[in-house]
Amino acid sequence: MRSIIASLVLAMSLGVTSAAQAQSDDLAYCERLYATWERYIAPRSQGQITGGVAAIASVDQCRRGNPAGGIPTLEKKLLDNRFTLPAR
């Protein structure tokens, strides 16, 4: 019985570890997307306030633990401006 419980605890901890790693990877990817947007696109779109707000809100979503809400917007902004997305 103890070995079953130990196995379950180990499996659960590995699942949490891999989920945390995936979230960390997503955050790093989101930060790379935002850095590319900020460096190359933001200076060209000085008059387009809404584009900047959307990008800032997207990276904020990533930083708050919701990369699924932020990454697509940043990817779209880069693709719309004919950028190649960085490696994930």
PDB file of N, CA and C in Angstrom:
ATOM      1  N   MET A   1       0.818  -1.187   0.000  1.00  0.00           N
ATOM      2  CA  MET A   1       0.000   0.000   0.000  1.00  0.00           C
ATOM      3  C   MET A   1       0.867   1.257   0.000  1.00  0.00           C
ATOM      4  N   ARG A   2       1.928   1.251   0.788  1.00  0.00           N
ATOM      5  CA  ARG A   2       2.810   2.415   0.849  1.00  0.00           C
ATOM      6  C   ARG A   2       3.477   2.681  -0.495  1.00  0.00           C
ATOM      7  N   SER A   3       3.828   1.606  -1.187  1.00  0.00           N
ATOM      8  CA  SER A   3       4.485   1.796  -2.482  1.00  0.00           C
ATOM      9  C   SER A   3       3.519   2.394  -3.508  1.00  0.00           C
ATOM     10  N   ILE A   4       2.239   2.062  -3.400  1.00  0.00           N
ATOM     11  CA  ILE A   4       1.235   2.637  -4.296  1.00  0.00           C
ATOM     12  C   ILE A   4       1.085   4.127  -4.007  1.00  0.00           C
ATOM     13  N   ILE A   5       1.004   4.473  -2.748  1.00  0.00           N
ATOM     14  CA  ILE A   5       0.882   5.883  -2.363  1.00  0.00           C
ATOM     15  C   ILE A   5       2.128   6.649  -2.786  1.00  0.00           C
ATOM     16  N   ALA A   6       3.304   6.071  -2.562  1.00  0.00           N
ATOM     17  CA  ALA A   6       4.552   6.727  -2.953  1.00  0.00           C
ATOM     18  C   ALA A   6       4.593   6.931  -4.469  1.00  0.00           C
ATOM     19  N   SER A   7       4.129   5.940  -5.213  1.00  0.00           N
ATOM     20  CA  SER A   7       4.099   6.057  -6.674  1.00  0.00           C
ATOM     21  C   SER A   7       3.147   7.160  -7.129  1.00  0.00           C
ATOM     22  N   LEU A   8       1.993   7.242  -6.472  1.00  0.00           N
ATOM     23  CA  LEU A   8       1.026   8.285  -6.809  1.00  0.00           C
ATOM     24  C   LEU A   8       1.576   9.678  -6.495  1.00  0.00           C
ATOM     25  N   VAL A   9       2.223   9.811  -5.354  1.00  0.00           N
ATOM     26  CA  VAL A   9       2.807  11.102  -4.975  1.00  0.00           C
ATOM     27  C   VAL A   9       3.898  11.490  -5.973  1.00  0.00           C
ATOM     28  N   LEU A  10       4.724  10.548  -6.359  1.00  0.00           N
ATOM     29  CA  LEU A  10       5.783  10.805  -7.332  1.00  0.00           C
ATOM     30  C   LEU A  10       5.192  11.213  -8.672  1.00  0.00           C
ATOM     31  N   ALA A  11       4.187  10.498  -9.125  1.00  0.00           N
ATOM     32  CA  ALA A  11       3.549  10.822 -10.406  1.00  0.00           C
ATOM     33  C   ALA A  11       2.923  12.211 -10.374  1.00  0.00           C
ATOM     34  N   MET A  12       2.283  12.545  -9.270  1.00  0.00           N
ATOM     35  CA  MET A  12       1.659  13.868  -9.156  1.00  0.00           C
ATOM     36  C   MET A  12       2.716  14.965  -9.142  1.00  0.00           C
ATOM     37  N   SER A  13       3.826  14.740  -8.442  1.00  0.00           N
ATOM     38  CA  SER A  13       4.869  15.771  -8.382  1.00  0.00           C
ATOM     39  C   SER A  13       5.541  15.948  -9.732  1.00  0.00           C
ATOM     40  N   LEU A  14       5.705  14.880 -10.491  1.00  0.00           N
ATOM     41  CA  LEU A  14       6.270  14.996 -11.833  1.00  0.00           C
ATOM     42  C   LEU A  14       5.333  15.763 -12.753  1.00  0.00           C
ATOM     43  N   GLY A  15       4.044  15.546 -12.604  1.00  0.00           N
ATOM     44  CA  GLY A  15       3.058  16.273 -13.396  1.00  0.00           C
ATOM     45  C   GLY A  15       3.086  17.758 -13.098  1.00  0.00           C
ATOM     46  N   VAL A  16       3.202  18.109 -11.835  1.00  0.00           N
ATOM     47  CA  VAL A  16       3.276  19.517 -11.436  1.00  0.00           C
ATOM     48  C   VAL A  16       4.557  20.137 -11.957  1.00  0.00           C
ATOM     49  N   THR A  17       5.669  19.394 -11.870  1.00  0.00           N
ATOM     50  CA  THR A  17       6.951  19.898 -12.352  1.00  0.00           C
ATOM     51  C   THR A  17       6.915  20.148 -13.852  1.00  0.00           C
ATOM     52  N   SER A  18       6.350  19.221 -14.609  1.00  0.00           N
ATOM     53  CA  SER A  18       6.311  19.407 -16.063  1.00  0.00           C
ATOM     54  C   SER A  18       5.357  20.535 -16.447  1.00  0.00           C
ATOM     55  N   ALA A  19       4.278  20.703 -15.708  1.00  0.00           N
ATOM     56  CA  ALA A  19       3.355  21.810 -15.981  1.00  0.00           C
ATOM     57  C   ALA A  19       4.026  23.145 -15.689  1.00  0.00           C
ATOM     58  N   ALA A  20       4.781  23.204 -14.608  1.00  0.00           N
ATOM     59  CA  ALA A  20       5.501  24.439 -14.268  1.00  0.00           C
ATOM     60  C   ALA A  20       6.556  24.748 -15.318  1.00  0.00           C
ATOM     61  N   GLN A  21       7.227  23.721 -15.814  1.00  0.00           N
ATOM     62  CA  GLN A  21       8.241  23.916 -16.859  1.00  0.00           C
ATOM     63  C   GLN A  21       7.595  24.417 -18.139  1.00  0.00           C
ATOM     64  N   ALA A  22       6.454  23.854 -18.506  1.00  0.00           N
ATOM     65  CA  ALA A  22       5.753  24.291 -19.715  1.00  0.00           C
ATOM     66  C   ALA A  22       5.320  25.749 -19.587  1.00  0.00           C
ATOM     67  N   GLN A  23       4.827  26.133 -18.418  1.00  0.00           N
ATOM     68  CA  GLN A  23       4.407  27.517 -18.202  1.00  0.00           C
ATOM     69  C   GLN A  23       5.618  28.441 -18.265  1.00  0.00           C
ATOM     70  N   SER A  24       6.740  28.018 -17.724  1.00  0.00           N
ATOM     71  CA  SER A  24       7.964  28.804 -17.768  1.00  0.00           C
ATOM     72  C   SER A  24       8.440  28.977 -19.210  1.00  0.00           C
ATOM     73  N   ASP A  25       8.364  27.898 -19.993  1.00  0.00           N
ATOM     74  CA  ASP A  25       8.735  27.962 -21.409  1.00  0.00           C
ATOM     75  C   ASP A  25       7.813  28.905 -22.169  1.00  0.00           C
ATOM     76  N   ASP A  26       6.511  28.843 -21.880  1.00  0.00           N
ATOM     77  CA  ASP A  26       5.550  29.734 -22.530  1.00  0.00           C
ATOM     78  C   ASP A  26       5.824  31.193 -22.178  1.00  0.00           C
ATOM     79  N   LEU A  27       6.167  31.454 -20.932  1.00  0.00           N
ATOM     80  CA  LEU A  27       6.463  32.822 -20.513  1.00  0.00           C
ATOM     81  C   LEU A  27       7.711  33.328 -21.231  1.00  0.00           C
ATOM     82  N   ALA A  28       8.731  32.502 -21.331  1.00  0.00           N
ATOM     83  CA  ALA A  28       9.956  32.906 -22.027  1.00  0.00           C
ATOM     84  C   ALA A  28       9.664  33.193 -23.500  1.00  0.00           C
ATOM     85  N   TYR A  29       8.853  32.358 -24.135  1.00  0.00           N
ATOM     86  CA  TYR A  29       8.468  32.567 -25.536  1.00  0.00           C
ATOM     87  C   TYR A  29       7.686  33.869 -25.674  1.00  0.00           C
ATOM     88  N   CYS A  30       6.749  34.106 -24.780  1.00  0.00           N
ATOM     89  CA  CYS A  30       5.948  35.324 -24.794  1.00  0.00           C
ATOM     90  C   CYS A  30       6.850  36.547 -24.644  1.00  0.00           C
ATOM     91  N   GLU A  31       7.809  36.474 -23.764  1.00  0.00           N
ATOM     92  CA  GLU A  31       8.746  37.590 -23.564  1.00  0.00           C
ATOM     93  C   GLU A  31       9.573  37.842 -24.825  1.00  0.00           C
ATOM     94  N   ARG A  32       9.971  36.770 -25.530  1.00  0.00           N
ATOM     95  CA  ARG A  32      10.710  36.948 -26.790  1.00  0.00           C
ATOM     96  C   ARG A  32       9.834  37.611 -27.840  1.00  0.00           C
ATOM     97  N   LEU A  33       8.566  37.198 -27.918  1.00  0.00           N
ATOM     98  CA  LEU A  33       7.641  37.819 -28.860  1.00  0.00           C
ATOM     99  C   LEU A  33       7.488  39.304 -28.557  1.00  0.00           C
ATOM    100  N   TYR A  34       7.285  39.618 -27.298  1.00  0.00           N
ATOM    101  CA  TYR A  34       7.087  41.015 -26.901  1.00  0.00           C
ATOM    102  C   TYR A  34       8.341  41.840 -27.174  1.00  0.00           C
ATOM    103  N   ALA A  35       9.512  41.288 -26.874  1.00  0.00           N
ATOM    104  CA  ALA A  35      10.765  42.005 -27.106  1.00  0.00           C
ATOM    105  C   ALA A  35      10.941  42.312 -28.594  1.00  0.00           C
ATOM    106  N   THR A  36      10.583  41.371 -29.443  1.00  0.00           N
ATOM    107  CA  THR A  36      10.670  41.598 -30.889  1.00  0.00           C
ATOM    108  C   THR A  36       9.689  42.680 -31.309  1.00  0.00           C
ATOM    109  N   TRP A  37       8.461  42.597 -30.814  1.00  0.00           N
ATOM    110  CA  TRP A  37       7.456  43.625 -31.133  1.00  0.00           C
ATOM    111  C   TRP A  37       7.946  44.997 -30.678  1.00  0.00           C
ATOM    112  N   GLU A  38       8.431  45.050 -29.428  1.00  0.00           N
ATOM    113  CA  GLU A  38       8.845  46.325 -28.848  1.00  0.00           C
ATOM    114  C   GLU A  38      10.034  46.934 -29.599  1.00  0.00           C
ATOM    115  N   ARG A  39      10.935  46.095 -30.046  1.00  0.00           N
ATOM    116  CA  ARG A  39      12.134  46.593 -30.726  1.00  0.00           C
ATOM    117  C   ARG A  39      11.866  47.049 -32.149  1.00  0.00           C
ATOM    118  N   TYR A  40      11.083  46.280 -32.891  1.00  0.00           N
ATOM    119  CA  TYR A  40      10.958  46.540 -34.319  1.00  0.00           C
ATOM    120  C   TYR A  40       9.641  47.183 -34.755  1.00  0.00           C
ATOM    121  N   ILE A  41       8.561  46.855 -34.081  1.00  0.00           N
ATOM    122  CA  ILE A  41       7.253  47.323 -34.550  1.00  0.00           C
ATOM    123  C   ILE A  41       6.794  48.557 -33.783  1.00  0.00           C
ATOM    124  N   ALA A  42       6.960  48.568 -32.480  1.00  0.00           N
ATOM    125  CA  ALA A  42       6.478  49.685 -31.666  1.00  0.00           C
ATOM    126  C   ALA A  42       7.018  51.040 -32.133  1.00  0.00           C
ATOM    127  N   PRO A  43       8.317  51.160 -32.442  1.00  0.00           N
ATOM    128  CA  PRO A  43       8.805  52.473 -32.881  1.00  0.00           C
ATOM    129  C   PRO A  43       8.162  52.953 -34.187  1.00  0.00           C
ATOM    130  N   ARG A  44       7.759  52.027 -35.050  1.00  0.00           N
ATOM    131  CA  ARG A  44       7.136  52.397 -36.327  1.00  0.00           C
ATOM    132  C   ARG A  44       5.667  52.758 -36.157  1.00  0.00           C
ATOM    133  N   SER A  45       5.068  52.349 -35.053  1.00  0.00           N
ATOM    134  CA  SER A  45       3.631  52.573 -34.876  1.00  0.00           C
ATOM    135  C   SER A  45       3.355  53.551 -33.749  1.00  0.00           C
ATOM    136  N   GLN A  46       4.152  54.589 -33.665  1.00  0.00           N
ATOM    137  CA  GLN A  46       4.016  55.576 -32.591  1.00  0.00           C
ATOM    138  C   GLN A  46       2.602  56.130 -32.482  1.00  0.00           C
ATOM    139  N   GLY A  47       1.933  56.336 -33.618  1.00  0.00           N
ATOM    140  CA  GLY A  47       0.601  56.919 -33.590  1.00  0.00           C
ATOM    141  C   GLY A  47      -0.514  55.924 -33.338  1.00  0.00           C
ATOM    142  N   GLN A  48      -0.206  54.649 -33.312  1.00  0.00           N
ATOM    143  CA  GLN A  48      -1.228  53.615 -33.133  1.00  0.00           C
ATOM    144  C   GLN A  48      -1.227  53.140 -31.683  1.00  0.00           C
ATOM    145  N   ILE A  49      -1.834  53.913 -30.853  1.00  0.00           N
ATOM    146  CA  ILE A  49      -1.856  53.625 -29.418  1.00  0.00           C
ATOM    147  C   ILE A  49      -2.482  52.266 -29.130  1.00  0.00           C
ATOM    148  N   THR A  50      -3.563  51.926 -29.807  1.00  0.00           N
ATOM    149  CA  THR A  50      -4.273  50.683 -29.486  1.00  0.00           C
ATOM    150  C   THR A  50      -3.414  49.457 -29.738  1.00  0.00           C
ATOM    151  N   GLY A  51      -2.567  49.477 -30.750  1.00  0.00           N
ATOM    152  CA  GLY A  51      -1.679  48.344 -31.001  1.00  0.00           C
ATOM    153  C   GLY A  51      -0.713  48.131 -29.862  1.00  0.00           C
ATOM    154  N   GLY A  52      -0.210  49.230 -29.307  1.00  0.00           N
ATOM    155  CA  GLY A  52       0.704  49.128 -28.182  1.00  0.00           C
ATOM    156  C   GLY A  52       0.019  48.635 -26.923  1.00  0.00           C
ATOM    157  N   VAL A  53      -1.190  49.095 -26.708  1.00  0.00           N
ATOM    158  CA  VAL A  53      -1.949  48.665 -25.534  1.00  0.00           C
ATOM    159  C   VAL A  53      -2.226  47.164 -25.610  1.00  0.00           C
ATOM    160  N   ALA A  54      -2.577  46.692 -26.790  1.00  0.00           N
ATOM    161  CA  ALA A  54      -2.865  45.261 -26.949  1.00  0.00           C
ATOM    162  C   ALA A  54      -1.617  44.418 -26.697  1.00  0.00           C
ATOM    163  N   ALA A  55      -0.473  44.875 -27.190  1.00  0.00           N
ATOM    164  CA  ALA A  55       0.766  44.124 -26.984  1.00  0.00           C
ATOM    165  C   ALA A  55       1.153  44.114 -25.510  1.00  0.00           C
ATOM    166  N   ILE A  56       1.029  45.261 -24.857  1.00  0.00           N
ATOM    167  CA  ILE A  56       1.364  45.339 -23.435  1.00  0.00           C
ATOM    168  C   ILE A  56       0.408  44.476 -22.608  1.00  0.00           C
ATOM    169  N   ALA A  57      -0.864  44.509 -22.961  1.00  0.00           N
ATOM    170  CA  ALA A  57      -1.850  43.673 -22.258  1.00  0.00           C
ATOM    171  C   ALA A  57      -1.555  42.195 -22.480  1.00  0.00           C
ATOM    172  N   SER A  58      -1.096  41.845 -23.668  1.00  0.00           N
ATOM    173  CA  SER A  58      -0.790  40.444 -23.968  1.00  0.00           C
ATOM    174  C   SER A  58       0.378  39.938 -23.147  1.00  0.00           C
ATOM    175  N   VAL A  59       1.457  40.702 -23.091  1.00  0.00           N
ATOM    176  CA  VAL A  59       2.603  40.247 -22.297  1.00  0.00           C
ATOM    177  C   VAL A  59       2.242  40.242 -20.811  1.00  0.00           C
ATOM    178  N   ASP A  60       1.383  41.142 -20.398  1.00  0.00           N
ATOM    179  CA  ASP A  60       0.916  41.147 -19.009  1.00  0.00           C
ATOM    180  C   ASP A  60       0.134  39.871 -18.698  1.00  0.00           C
ATOM    181  N   GLN A  61      -0.687  39.426 -19.654  1.00  0.00           N
ATOM    182  CA  GLN A  61      -1.417  38.164 -19.454  1.00  0.00           C
ATOM    183  C   GLN A  61      -0.434  37.014 -19.265  1.00  0.00           C
ATOM    184  N   CYS A  62       0.606  36.989 -20.091  1.00  0.00           N
ATOM    185  CA  CYS A  62       1.614  35.932 -19.956  1.00  0.00           C
ATOM    186  C   CYS A  62       2.264  35.971 -18.580  1.00  0.00           C
ATOM    187  N   ARG A  63       2.627  37.156 -18.148  1.00  0.00           N
ATOM    188  CA  ARG A  63       3.306  37.312 -16.862  1.00  0.00           C
ATOM    189  C   ARG A  63       2.411  36.945 -15.691  1.00  0.00           C
ATOM    190  N   ARG A  64       1.114  37.037 -15.878  1.00  0.00           N
ATOM    191  CA  ARG A  64       0.169  36.682 -14.813  1.00  0.00           C
ATOM    192  C   ARG A  64      -0.255  35.213 -14.878  1.00  0.00           C
ATOM    193  N   GLY A  65       0.397  34.434 -15.745  1.00  0.00           N
ATOM    194  CA  GLY A  65       0.132  33.002 -15.797  1.00  0.00           C
ATOM    195  C   GLY A  65      -0.873  32.569 -16.842  1.00  0.00           C
ATOM    196  N   ASN A  66      -1.186  33.444 -17.802  1.00  0.00           N
ATOM    197  CA  ASN A  66      -2.140  33.093 -18.857  1.00  0.00           C
ATOM    198  C   ASN A  66      -1.509  33.272 -20.235  1.00  0.00           C
ATOM    199  N   PRO A  67      -0.484  32.456 -20.544  1.00  0.00           N
ATOM    200  CA  PRO A  67       0.163  32.607 -21.847  1.00  0.00           C
ATOM    201  C   PRO A  67      -0.768  32.299 -23.020  1.00  0.00           C
ATOM    202  N   ALA A  68      -1.747  31.439 -22.796  1.00  0.00           N
ATOM    203  CA  ALA A  68      -2.692  31.115 -23.878  1.00  0.00           C
ATOM    204  C   ALA A  68      -3.501  32.343 -24.269  1.00  0.00           C
ATOM    205  N   GLY A  69      -3.651  33.290 -23.365  1.00  0.00           N
ATOM    206  CA  GLY A  69      -4.377  34.514 -23.668  1.00  0.00           C
ATOM    207  C   GLY A  69      -3.504  35.579 -24.297  1.00  0.00           C
ATOM    208  N   GLY A  70      -2.196  35.542 -24.063  1.00  0.00           N
ATOM    209  CA  GLY A  70      -1.311  36.582 -24.562  1.00  0.00           C
ATOM    210  C   GLY A  70      -0.534  36.239 -25.819  1.00  0.00           C
ATOM    211  N   ILE A  71      -0.096  35.004 -25.936  1.00  0.00           N
ATOM    212  CA  ILE A  71       0.768  34.612 -27.053  1.00  0.00           C
ATOM    213  C   ILE A  71       0.102  34.808 -28.411  1.00  0.00           C
ATOM    214  N   PRO A  72      -1.135  34.376 -28.628  1.00  0.00           N
ATOM    215  CA  PRO A  72      -1.721  34.523 -29.969  1.00  0.00           C
ATOM    216  C   PRO A  72      -1.757  35.972 -30.475  1.00  0.00           C
ATOM    217  N   THR A  73      -2.031  36.908 -29.608  1.00  0.00           N
ATOM    218  CA  THR A  73      -2.081  38.315 -30.015  1.00  0.00           C
ATOM    219  C   THR A  73      -0.707  38.796 -30.455  1.00  0.00           C
ATOM    220  N   LEU A  74       0.315  38.459 -29.685  1.00  0.00           N
ATOM    221  CA  LEU A  74       1.670  38.873 -30.037  1.00  0.00           C
ATOM    222  C   LEU A  74       2.137  38.193 -31.325  1.00  0.00           C
ATOM    223  N   GLU A  75       1.826  36.906 -31.473  1.00  0.00           N
ATOM    224  CA  GLU A  75       2.179  36.215 -32.713  1.00  0.00           C
ATOM    225  C   GLU A  75       1.521  36.886 -33.909  1.00  0.00           C
ATOM    226  N   LYS A  76       0.251  37.235 -33.779  1.00  0.00           N
ATOM    227  CA  LYS A  76      -0.472  37.868 -34.875  1.00  0.00           C
ATOM    228  C   LYS A  76       0.148  39.216 -35.226  1.00  0.00           C
ATOM    229  N   LYS A  77       0.510  39.997 -34.222  1.00  0.00           N
ATOM    230  CA  LYS A  77       1.120  41.297 -34.476  1.00  0.00           C
ATOM    231  C   LYS A  77       2.416  41.135 -35.269  1.00  0.00           C
ATOM    232  N   LEU A  78       3.213  40.150 -34.916  1.00  0.00           N
ATOM    233  CA  LEU A  78       4.466  39.930 -35.633  1.00  0.00           C
ATOM    234  C   LEU A  78       4.210  39.409 -37.047  1.00  0.00           C
ATOM    235  N   LEU A  79       3.320  38.439 -37.168  1.00  0.00           N
ATOM    236  CA  LEU A  79       3.024  37.882 -38.491  1.00  0.00           C
ATOM    237  C   LEU A  79       2.405  38.925 -39.413  1.00  0.00           C
ATOM    238  N   ASP A  80       1.536  39.776 -38.882  1.00  0.00           N
ATOM    239  CA  ASP A  80       0.929  40.837 -39.692  1.00  0.00           C
ATOM    240  C   ASP A  80       1.979  41.810 -40.227  1.00  0.00           C
ATOM    241  N   ASN A  81       3.080  41.920 -39.519  1.00  0.00           N
ATOM    242  CA  ASN A  81       4.167  42.802 -39.942  1.00  0.00           C
ATOM    243  C   ASN A  81       5.287  42.028 -40.643  1.00  0.00           C
ATOM    244  N   ARG A  82       4.970  40.816 -41.047  1.00  0.00           N
ATOM    245  CA  ARG A  82       5.854  39.952 -41.844  1.00  0.00           C
ATOM    246  C   ARG A  82       7.138  39.546 -41.123  1.00  0.00           C
ATOM    247  N   PHE A  83       7.009  39.320 -39.839  1.00  0.00           N
ATOM    248  CA  PHE A  83       8.141  38.812 -39.070  1.00  0.00           C
ATOM    249  C   PHE A  83       8.022  37.307 -38.966  1.00  0.00           C
ATOM    250  N   THR A  84       9.163  36.657 -38.885  1.00  0.00           N
ATOM    251  CA  THR A  84       9.199  35.224 -38.611  1.00  0.00           C
ATOM    252  C   THR A  84       9.155  35.060 -37.093  1.00  0.00           C
ATOM    253  N   LEU A  85       8.324  34.173 -36.634  1.00  0.00           N
ATOM    254  CA  LEU A  85       8.196  33.973 -35.187  1.00  0.00           C
ATOM    255  C   LEU A  85       9.458  33.299 -34.651  1.00  0.00           C
ATOM    256  N   PRO A  86       9.895  33.706 -33.453  1.00  0.00           N
ATOM    257  CA  PRO A  86      11.063  33.046 -32.856  1.00  0.00           C
ATOM    258  C   PRO A  86      10.738  31.591 -32.510  1.00  0.00           C
ATOM    259  N   ALA A  87      11.767  30.803 -32.367  1.00  0.00           N
ATOM    260  CA  ALA A  87      11.579  29.393 -32.011  1.00  0.00           C
ATOM    261  C   ALA A  87      10.941  29.299 -30.633  1.00  0.00           C
ATOM    262  N   ARG A  88      10.094  28.321 -30.515  1.00  0.00           N
ATOM    263  CA  ARG A  88       9.412  28.102 -29.233  1.00  0.00           C
ATOM    264  C   ARG A  88      10.210  27.310 -28.304  1.00  0.00           C
TER     265      ARG A  88
END
